[in-house]
């Protein structure tokens, strides 16, 4: 962006000088020519910026270079009188290319001069097209070109050269200053500009300014993802590795009933829910969880279906032993897909239940009529199926149709109504950030 700003300033300065010279000598000002010349100059900024920052060494890149130089071959003969001769175009572009090669050497430390052949080929194609335009639309060239003067005026006849040379001097100056100082001013300016411009995420109420760069990086990895999804995912730290200590939050720091427990939100080693009651047999849960579960179970019995608790509250110490036992059979990477590390399990809250229609057998639950019913109706009782099949990249766990979590009917109904499939998304939209 710095090159474009400085380039446009340079172009403006050159054209102002040309205008003043025309005024002093009584030469008629051609507005259409000036507009065309300014647009051509801006295009040349793009060409210089594009070529000086890359080494062209692939066939596809040579093709792109050819396409880039076709407009140059078209425009110059239409707006600058001297360029109606092809040899002038070749000399001009050849010298221009040599300057680009030097810039590549300064900027990249290497260059591939063979690209010059393709620039000239592009100019040749453009010149042929321009010739056709001049023959077919004679009035067009007359309206764009400065009328021939009785006495040759150098600053007008060399207008194209003056403009392009001024741009090349600008690029060379910046490169040399950066080399001498050891600072990349262009990169620093571009970063600052990106931060100060109106960001597309600013319209999303739950977006955080400090995360803008992370949003951009995540969006590049998932270009088809909607902006709002990018935002809540990054806010949930899904652009980081699970269990990364730098991003792990102590969920029970300011509450005795944390809502979200996952691989970035854990509880303390000594955490225990305020009050636990027996939910079924020897299993314990919070009072609200037990009440909702019994109501759901009662309604299922009316439909000749039944469910049983297979697992409920677990202490951090219990989870530690469970997790370590799994590690004896599987790798940590595999265990992490089906078991939480101690402190990171929803079962610590007393609101998570593993259920099945067969006592003690959660694996049999998947695909059963009871599982289908729970999936479709548990939200009415304040539960959510926490680890869904299509959200493993969010939760970090395999599909667990038997694992339901009590969140209360207000949350579960909102999630159902708005098709929010994970607690992570809900928390970002309605807990951590309230819609303004």
Protein backbone atom coordinates (compact mmCIF):
# COMPACT_ATOMS: atom_id res chain seq x y z
CA UNK A 1 0.00 0.00 0.00
CA UNK A 2 2.91 2.38 0.72
CA UNK A 3 4.10 2.15 -2.89
CA UNK A 4 0.62 3.02 -4.18
CA UNK A 5 0.26 6.03 -1.90
CA UNK A 6 3.70 7.40 -2.72
CA UNK A 7 3.26 6.50 -6.40
CA UNK A 8 -0.04 8.35 -6.69
CA UNK A 9 1.54 11.38 -5.00
CA UNK A 10 4.40 11.26 -7.51
CA UNK A 11 2.00 10.91 -10.45
CA UNK A 12 -0.06 13.85 -9.17
CA UNK A 13 3.06 15.99 -8.80
CA UNK A 14 4.27 15.18 -12.34
CA UNK A 15 0.89 15.97 -13.89
CA UNK A 16 0.59 19.20 -11.95
CA UNK A 17 3.98 20.27 -13.31
CA UNK A 18 2.92 19.29 -16.83
CA UNK A 19 -0.30 21.25 -16.43
CA UNK A 20 1.59 24.35 -15.27
CA UNK A 21 4.04 24.04 -18.19
CA UNK A 22 1.14 23.77 -20.64
CA UNK A 23 -0.49 26.82 -19.06
CA UNK A 24 2.73 28.87 -19.26
CA UNK A 25 3.17 28.08 -22.95
CA UNK A 26 -0.47 28.46 -23.89
CA UNK A 27 -0.82 24.80 -24.82
CA UNK A 28 -4.40 23.53 -24.71
CA UNK A 29 -5.03 21.18 -21.78
CA UNK A 30 -6.43 17.78 -22.79
CA UNK A 31 -8.47 16.44 -19.90
CA UNK A 32 -9.14 13.02 -21.48
CA UNK A 33 -5.44 12.53 -22.15
CA UNK A 34 -4.57 13.41 -18.56
CA UNK A 35 -7.13 10.98 -17.13
CA UNK A 36 -5.86 8.21 -19.42
CA UNK A 37 -2.25 9.02 -18.51
CA UNK A 38 -2.98 8.95 -14.77
CA UNK A 39 -4.72 5.57 -15.07
CA UNK A 40 -1.82 4.22 -17.11
CA UNK A 41 0.64 5.44 -14.46
CA UNK A 42 -1.31 3.75 -11.66
CA UNK A 43 -1.30 0.54 -13.68
CA UNK A 44 2.48 0.86 -13.98
CA UNK A 45 2.73 1.05 -10.17
CA UNK A 46 0.95 -2.30 -10.04
CA UNK A 47 3.29 -3.77 -12.70
CA UNK A 48 6.45 -2.63 -10.89
CA UNK A 49 5.16 -3.77 -7.50
CA UNK A 50 4.13 -7.16 -8.90
CA UNK A 51 7.40 -7.91 -10.69
CA UNK A 52 9.93 -6.55 -8.22
CA UNK A 53 8.63 -8.80 -5.43
CA UNK A 54 8.86 -12.16 -7.23
CA UNK A 55 11.16 -14.22 -9.40
CA UNK A 56 9.28 -15.33 -12.51
CA UNK A 57 10.46 -18.86 -13.26
CA UNK A 58 7.35 -20.93 -14.04
CA UNK A 59 5.42 -21.30 -17.28
CA UNK A 60 2.17 -20.16 -15.65
CA UNK A 61 3.94 -17.04 -14.32
CA UNK A 62 5.38 -16.28 -17.76
CA UNK A 63 1.84 -16.42 -19.11
CA UNK A 64 0.67 -13.97 -16.44
CA UNK A 65 3.54 -11.59 -17.30
CA UNK A 66 2.52 -11.68 -20.96
CA UNK A 67 -1.07 -10.79 -20.02
CA UNK A 68 0.12 -7.95 -17.77
CA UNK A 69 2.09 -6.30 -20.58
CA UNK A 70 -0.66 -6.52 -23.22
CA UNK A 71 -2.47 -3.44 -21.79
CA UNK A 72 0.82 -1.53 -21.88
CA UNK A 73 1.18 -2.32 -25.57
CA UNK A 74 -2.41 -1.16 -26.16
CA UNK A 75 -2.45 2.03 -24.09
CA UNK A 76 0.88 3.67 -24.88
CA UNK A 77 0.33 4.08 -28.66
CA UNK A 78 -3.16 5.43 -27.99
CA UNK A 79 -2.23 8.24 -25.60
CA UNK A 80 1.44 9.03 -26.31
CA UNK A 81 2.29 10.21 -29.84
CA UNK A 82 5.87 8.86 -30.00
CA UNK A 83 4.72 5.31 -29.17
CA UNK A 84 2.92 4.84 -32.45
CA UNK A 85 6.21 3.29 -33.61
CA UNK A 86 6.75 -0.27 -32.37
CA UNK A 87 10.52 0.15 -32.00
CA UNK A 88 9.95 2.91 -29.42
CA UNK A 89 7.71 0.54 -27.43
CA UNK A 90 10.37 -2.19 -27.53
CA UNK A 91 13.15 0.18 -26.39
CA UNK A 92 10.99 1.62 -23.63
CA UNK A 93 9.85 -1.77 -22.26
CA UNK A 94 13.34 -3.25 -22.64
CA UNK A 95 14.90 -0.51 -20.48
CA UNK A 96 11.99 -0.78 -18.07
CA UNK A 97 12.60 -4.55 -17.74
CA UNK A 98 16.29 -4.00 -17.00
CA UNK A 99 15.31 -1.73 -14.12
CA UNK A 100 12.89 -4.39 -12.86
CA UNK A 101 15.66 -7.01 -12.94
CA UNK A 102 17.88 -4.73 -10.83
CA UNK A 103 14.98 -4.18 -8.40
CA UNK A 104 14.50 -7.93 -8.12
CA UNK A 105 18.17 -8.29 -7.27
CA UNK A 106 17.89 -5.65 -4.53
CA UNK A 107 14.64 -6.99 -3.15
CA UNK A 108 15.08 -10.76 -3.50
CA UNK A 109 18.76 -11.29 -4.06
CA UNK A 110 18.03 -13.17 -7.30
CA UNK A 111 16.35 -12.66 -10.65
CA UNK A 112 15.28 -14.44 -13.82
CA UNK A 113 15.83 -12.10 -16.83
CA UNK A 114 14.21 -14.59 -19.25
CA UNK A 115 10.85 -13.03 -18.32
CA UNK A 116 11.83 -10.04 -20.50
CA UNK A 117 11.02 -12.10 -23.61
CA UNK A 118 7.46 -12.54 -22.39
CA UNK A 119 7.04 -8.85 -21.55
CA UNK A 120 8.02 -7.94 -25.11
CA UNK A 121 5.69 -10.59 -26.48
CA UNK A 122 2.87 -9.06 -24.43
CA UNK A 123 3.70 -5.59 -25.76
CA UNK A 124 3.72 -6.94 -29.33
CA UNK A 125 0.22 -8.40 -28.89
CA UNK A 126 -0.96 -5.16 -27.32
CA UNK A 127 0.56 -3.06 -30.10
CA UNK A 128 -1.26 -5.11 -32.76
CA UNK A 129 -4.54 -4.63 -30.89
CA UNK A 130 -3.79 -0.93 -30.54
CA UNK A 131 -3.13 -0.67 -34.28
CA UNK A 132 -6.51 -2.20 -34.96
CA UNK A 133 -8.18 0.24 -32.56
CA UNK A 134 -6.43 3.23 -34.17
CA UNK A 135 -7.55 2.18 -37.65
CA UNK A 136 -11.10 1.30 -36.60
CA UNK A 137 -11.71 4.14 -34.13
CA UNK A 138 -9.69 7.05 -35.48
CA UNK A 139 -11.51 9.64 -33.39
CA UNK A 140 -10.67 7.80 -30.17
CA UNK A 141 -6.92 8.33 -30.55
CA UNK A 142 -7.43 11.94 -31.58
CA UNK A 143 -9.39 12.60 -28.39
CA UNK A 144 -6.76 10.99 -26.17
CA UNK A 145 -3.53 12.32 -27.65
CA UNK A 146 -2.04 15.80 -27.34
CA UNK A 147 -2.12 17.58 -30.68
CA UNK A 148 1.16 17.89 -32.53
CA UNK A 149 2.82 21.21 -31.82
CA UNK A 150 4.79 23.32 -34.29
CA UNK A 151 7.71 23.41 -31.94
CA UNK A 152 8.82 20.27 -30.12
CA UNK A 153 8.20 20.49 -26.36
CA UNK A 154 10.41 17.99 -24.52
CA UNK A 155 8.36 17.63 -21.34
CA UNK A 156 5.27 16.69 -23.37
CA UNK A 157 6.93 14.38 -25.87
CA UNK A 158 8.71 12.57 -23.00
CA UNK A 159 5.67 12.42 -20.73
CA UNK A 160 5.52 8.61 -20.52
CA UNK A 161 9.23 8.34 -19.80
CA UNK A 162 9.08 11.04 -17.11
CA UNK A 163 6.16 9.30 -15.37
CA UNK A 164 7.65 5.81 -15.41
CA UNK A 165 11.14 7.01 -14.45
CA UNK A 166 9.69 8.90 -11.48
CA UNK A 167 7.96 5.68 -10.34
CA UNK A 168 11.13 3.63 -10.78
CA UNK A 169 13.14 6.21 -8.83
CA UNK A 170 10.55 5.93 -6.07
CA UNK A 171 10.85 2.13 -5.88
CA UNK A 172 14.65 2.24 -6.02
CA UNK A 173 14.78 4.90 -3.31
CA UNK A 174 12.64 2.85 -0.94
CA UNK A 175 14.68 -0.31 -1.57
CA UNK A 176 17.99 1.46 -1.01
CA UNK A 177 16.74 3.18 2.16
CA UNK A 178 15.55 -0.17 3.52
CA UNK A 179 18.87 -1.85 2.70
CA UNK A 180 20.89 0.91 4.37
CA UNK A 181 18.68 1.19 7.46
CA UNK A 182 17.93 -2.53 7.79
CA UNK A 183 14.21 -1.80 8.23
CA UNK A 184 11.33 -3.05 6.11
CA UNK A 185 9.30 0.17 6.00
CA UNK A 186 6.89 -1.11 3.34
CA UNK A 187 5.92 -4.16 5.39
CA UNK A 188 5.57 -2.13 8.60
CA UNK A 189 3.41 0.46 6.86
CA UNK A 190 1.19 -2.18 5.28
CA UNK A 191 0.69 -3.89 8.66
CA UNK A 192 -0.19 -0.56 10.29
CA UNK A 193 -2.56 0.30 7.44
CA UNK A 194 -4.34 -3.05 7.74
CA UNK A 195 -4.82 -2.46 11.46
CA UNK A 196 -6.24 1.02 11.05
CA UNK A 197 -8.57 0.34 8.10
CA UNK A 198 -12.16 -0.66 8.73
CA UNK A 199 -11.99 -4.40 9.30
CA UNK A 200 -14.73 -6.61 7.92
CA UNK A 201 -14.99 -8.33 11.30
CA UNK A 202 -15.85 -5.07 13.08
CA UNK A 203 -19.52 -5.55 12.14
CA UNK A 204 -19.69 -8.85 14.03
CA UNK A 205 -20.70 -8.02 17.60
CA UNK A 206 -18.74 -10.86 19.18
CA UNK A 207 -15.52 -10.15 17.25
CA UNK A 208 -12.54 -8.96 19.29
CA UNK A 209 -10.10 -6.40 17.86
CA UNK A 210 -7.13 -8.19 19.39
CA UNK A 211 -8.04 -11.27 17.34
CA UNK A 212 -8.35 -9.62 13.90
CA UNK A 213 -5.02 -11.01 12.69
CA UNK A 214 -5.94 -14.47 13.95
CA UNK A 215 -9.28 -14.26 12.12
CA UNK A 216 -7.48 -13.41 8.88
CA UNK A 217 -5.02 -16.27 9.29
CA UNK A 218 -7.80 -18.78 10.09
CA UNK A 219 -9.91 -17.57 7.16
CA UNK A 220 -6.99 -18.23 4.80
CA UNK A 221 -6.91 -21.86 5.98
CA UNK A 222 -10.69 -22.17 5.58
CA UNK A 223 -11.56 -19.75 2.74
CA UNK A 224 -15.13 -21.06 2.35
CA UNK A 225 -16.02 -20.53 6.02
CA UNK A 226 -18.47 -17.75 6.91
CA UNK A 227 -16.98 -14.78 8.77
CA UNK A 228 -19.11 -15.30 11.88
CA UNK A 229 -18.01 -18.93 12.15
CA UNK A 230 -14.37 -17.88 11.77
CA UNK A 231 -14.85 -15.41 14.63
CA UNK A 232 -16.46 -17.72 17.18
CA UNK A 233 -14.04 -20.52 16.36
CA UNK A 234 -10.98 -18.30 16.85
CA UNK A 235 -12.49 -16.78 20.00
CA UNK A 236 -12.81 -20.38 21.21
CA UNK A 237 -9.08 -20.84 20.42
CA UNK A 238 -9.76 -23.45 17.75
CA UNK A 239 -6.91 -21.95 15.73
CA UNK A 240 -4.58 -23.26 18.46
CA UNK A 241 -3.58 -26.75 19.57
CA UNK A 242 -5.86 -28.40 22.13
CA UNK A 243 -4.56 -28.17 25.70
CA UNK A 244 -2.09 -25.40 24.79
CA UNK A 245 -1.26 -24.01 28.25
CA UNK A 246 -1.00 -20.47 26.88
CA UNK A 247 -4.71 -20.56 25.99
CA UNK A 248 -6.11 -22.69 28.81
CA UNK A 249 -8.52 -20.88 31.12
CA UNK A 250 -9.43 -21.82 34.70
CA UNK A 251 -13.22 -22.02 34.27
CA UNK A 252 -14.10 -22.13 37.98
CA UNK A 253 -11.99 -19.10 38.89
CA UNK A 254 -15.00 -16.82 39.41
CA UNK A 255 -17.87 -19.30 39.65
CA UNK A 256 -18.73 -22.57 41.38
CA UNK A 257 -20.81 -23.70 38.39
CA UNK A 258 -18.76 -23.25 35.18
CA UNK A 259 -20.80 -23.65 32.00
CA UNK A 260 -18.13 -24.48 29.44
CA UNK A 261 -15.58 -27.18 30.13
CA UNK A 262 -13.48 -28.29 27.17
CA UNK A 263 -9.86 -28.64 26.07
CA UNK A 264 -9.23 -24.93 26.69
CA UNK A 265 -11.35 -24.53 29.84
CA UNK A 266 -10.59 -26.64 32.88
CA UNK A 267 -11.42 -26.75 36.58
CA UNK A 268 -9.01 -26.68 39.51
CA UNK A 269 -7.62 -29.93 40.95
CA UNK A 270 -9.83 -29.62 44.05
CA UNK A 271 -13.00 -28.55 42.25
CA UNK A 272 -16.31 -30.07 43.34
CA UNK A 273 -19.88 -28.93 42.59
CA UNK A 274 -21.56 -27.16 45.51
CA UNK A 275 -24.25 -29.80 46.04
CA UNK A 276 -24.52 -33.24 44.51
CA UNK A 277 -27.44 -35.63 44.87
CA UNK A 278 -28.02 -39.22 43.81
CA UNK A 279 -29.48 -39.33 40.32
CA UNK A 280 -29.67 -43.11 39.84
CA UNK A 281 -28.19 -46.04 41.74
CA UNK A 282 -24.76 -44.81 42.96
CA UNK A 283 -24.36 -42.06 40.38
CA UNK A 284 -24.41 -38.40 41.42
CA UNK A 285 -25.27 -35.16 39.66
CA UNK A 286 -26.50 -31.64 40.40
CA UNK A 287 -30.07 -31.30 41.61
CA UNK A 288 -31.23 -29.58 38.39
CA UNK A 289 -29.62 -32.27 36.24
CA UNK A 290 -31.28 -35.05 38.21
CA UNK A 291 -34.72 -33.43 38.03
CA UNK A 292 -34.49 -32.88 34.23
CA UNK A 293 -33.17 -36.41 33.63
CA UNK A 294 -35.98 -38.05 35.62
CA UNK A 295 -38.61 -36.02 33.76
CA UNK A 296 -37.12 -37.03 30.38
CA UNK A 297 -36.88 -40.68 31.45
CA UNK A 298 -40.48 -40.65 32.63
CA UNK A 299 -41.70 -39.26 29.29
CA UNK A 300 -39.66 -41.87 27.42
CA UNK A 301 -41.24 -44.68 29.44
CA UNK A 302 -44.65 -43.50 28.26
CA UNK A 303 -43.38 -44.26 24.74
CA UNK A 304 -42.14 -47.72 25.82
CA UNK A 305 -38.51 -46.58 25.85
CA UNK A 306 -36.08 -46.47 28.72
CA UNK A 307 -32.62 -45.07 29.51
CA UNK A 308 -30.10 -45.59 32.30
CA UNK A 309 -27.21 -43.55 33.65
CA UNK A 310 -23.87 -45.19 32.87
CA UNK A 311 -21.67 -42.34 34.15
CA UNK A 312 -22.30 -39.01 35.87
CA UNK A 313 -20.18 -36.89 38.24
CA UNK A 314 -16.47 -37.67 38.34
CA UNK A 315 -13.85 -36.06 40.54
CA UNK A 316 -10.60 -34.83 39.02
CA UNK A 317 -8.77 -37.66 40.78
CA UNK A 318 -11.17 -40.27 39.35
CA UNK A 319 -10.68 -38.83 35.85
CA UNK A 320 -6.92 -38.93 36.30
CA UNK A 321 -6.98 -42.67 37.06
CA UNK A 322 -9.40 -43.32 34.19
CA UNK A 323 -7.29 -41.38 31.69
CA UNK A 324 -4.07 -43.06 32.78
CA UNK A 325 -5.64 -46.50 32.43
CA UNK A 326 -6.61 -45.68 28.84
CA UNK A 327 -3.01 -44.66 28.16
CA UNK A 328 -1.89 -48.21 28.95
CA UNK A 329 -3.73 -49.45 25.84
CA UNK A 330 -3.69 -46.49 23.45
CA UNK A 331 -1.47 -43.55 22.54
CA UNK A 332 -2.16 -40.14 24.08
CA UNK A 333 -3.26 -38.88 20.67
CA UNK A 334 -5.92 -41.60 20.44
CA UNK A 335 -7.01 -41.37 24.07
CA UNK A 336 -7.56 -37.62 23.70
CA UNK A 337 -10.28 -38.33 21.13
CA UNK A 338 -12.47 -40.27 23.57
CA UNK A 339 -11.37 -39.33 27.08
CA UNK A 340 -10.76 -35.95 28.72
CA UNK A 341 -7.58 -35.21 30.58
CA UNK A 342 -8.06 -34.72 34.34
CA UNK A 343 -9.55 -31.29 35.04
CA UNK A 344 -10.94 -30.98 31.50
CA UNK A 345 -13.95 -33.31 31.76
CA UNK A 346 -17.55 -32.07 31.75
CA UNK A 347 -18.29 -34.83 34.25
CA UNK A 348 -16.53 -32.72 36.90
CA UNK A 349 -19.48 -30.29 36.83
CA UNK A 350 -22.11 -32.87 37.79
CA UNK A 351 -24.16 -31.81 34.76
CA UNK A 352 -22.83 -34.35 32.24
CA UNK A 353 -24.35 -37.79 31.88
CA UNK A 354 -23.45 -40.84 29.84
CA UNK A 355 -26.67 -42.76 29.15
CA UNK A 356 -27.79 -45.89 27.36
CA UNK A 357 -30.89 -48.01 26.85
CA UNK A 358 -28.87 -50.97 28.11
CA UNK A 359 -27.41 -50.78 31.62
CA UNK A 360 -23.64 -50.37 31.64
CA UNK A 361 -23.29 -50.44 27.85
CA UNK A 362 -22.91 -47.02 26.20
CA UNK A 363 -21.57 -48.45 22.94
CA UNK A 364 -24.93 -50.08 22.22
CA UNK A 365 -26.73 -46.72 22.42
CA UNK A 366 -25.65 -45.35 19.03
CA UNK A 367 -28.31 -45.96 16.36
CA UNK A 368 -30.96 -47.13 18.82
CA UNK A 369 -34.48 -45.72 18.83
CA UNK A 370 -33.77 -44.26 22.26
CA UNK A 371 -30.67 -42.46 20.92
CA UNK A 372 -32.66 -40.99 18.05
CA UNK A 373 -35.36 -39.78 20.43
CA UNK A 374 -32.86 -38.22 22.84
CA UNK A 375 -31.10 -36.49 19.95
CA UNK A 376 -34.36 -34.95 18.75
CA UNK A 377 -36.00 -34.13 22.09
CA UNK A 378 -33.47 -33.67 24.89
CA UNK A 379 -33.41 -29.89 24.34
CA UNK A 380 -36.97 -29.74 25.74
CA UNK A 381 -35.59 -30.83 29.12
CA UNK A 382 -32.53 -28.58 29.16
CA UNK A 383 -30.03 -31.11 27.76
CA UNK A 384 -27.80 -31.00 24.69
CA UNK A 385 -25.98 -33.82 22.93
CA UNK A 386 -22.54 -32.40 23.62
CA UNK A 387 -20.26 -34.24 21.20
CA UNK A 388 -21.97 -34.41 17.84
CA UNK A 389 -20.73 -36.33 14.84
CA UNK A 390 -20.07 -33.29 12.62
CA UNK A 391 -18.36 -31.19 15.31
CA UNK A 392 -15.33 -33.28 16.24
CA UNK A 393 -12.96 -30.53 15.07
CA UNK A 394 -14.64 -28.15 17.54
CA UNK A 395 -15.00 -30.43 20.56
CA UNK A 396 -11.92 -32.55 19.95
CA UNK A 397 -13.88 -35.70 20.78
CA UNK A 398 -15.30 -38.53 18.73
CA UNK A 399 -19.06 -38.71 18.22
CA UNK A 400 -20.71 -39.60 21.56
CA UNK A 401 -24.52 -39.85 21.21
CA UNK A 402 -24.66 -41.11 24.80
CA UNK A 403 -23.04 -38.00 26.32
CA UNK A 404 -25.63 -35.37 27.23
CA UNK A 405 -25.03 -32.19 29.23
CA UNK A 406 -27.57 -30.24 31.25
CA UNK A 407 -27.40 -26.51 30.41
CA UNK A 408 -30.94 -25.44 31.28
CA UNK A 409 -33.92 -25.03 28.95
CA UNK A 410 -33.14 -21.39 28.12
CA UNK A 411 -29.81 -22.34 26.60
CA UNK A 412 -30.88 -25.68 25.09
CA UNK A 413 -33.96 -24.17 23.42
CA UNK A 414 -31.95 -21.26 22.03
CA UNK A 415 -29.35 -23.63 20.62
CA UNK A 416 -32.07 -25.79 19.07
CA UNK A 417 -33.97 -22.84 17.62
CA UNK A 418 -30.87 -21.19 16.14
CA UNK A 419 -29.26 -24.47 15.05
CA UNK A 420 -26.21 -23.91 17.26
CA UNK A 421 -24.58 -27.31 17.54
CA UNK A 422 -21.82 -26.70 20.07
CA UNK A 423 -21.64 -25.07 23.46
CA UNK A 424 -18.48 -23.31 22.28
CA UNK A 425 -20.43 -21.33 19.70
CA UNK A 426 -23.25 -20.51 22.12
CA UNK A 427 -20.85 -19.22 24.77
CA UNK A 428 -19.14 -16.90 22.31
CA UNK A 429 -22.40 -15.54 20.96
CA UNK A 430 -24.44 -15.21 24.16
CA UNK A 431 -22.19 -15.45 27.21
CA UNK A 432 -18.78 -13.95 26.53
CA UNK A 433 -20.32 -11.36 24.19
CA UNK A 434 -23.85 -10.11 24.51
CA UNK A 435 -25.51 -8.83 21.31
CA UNK A 436 -25.40 -5.06 21.37
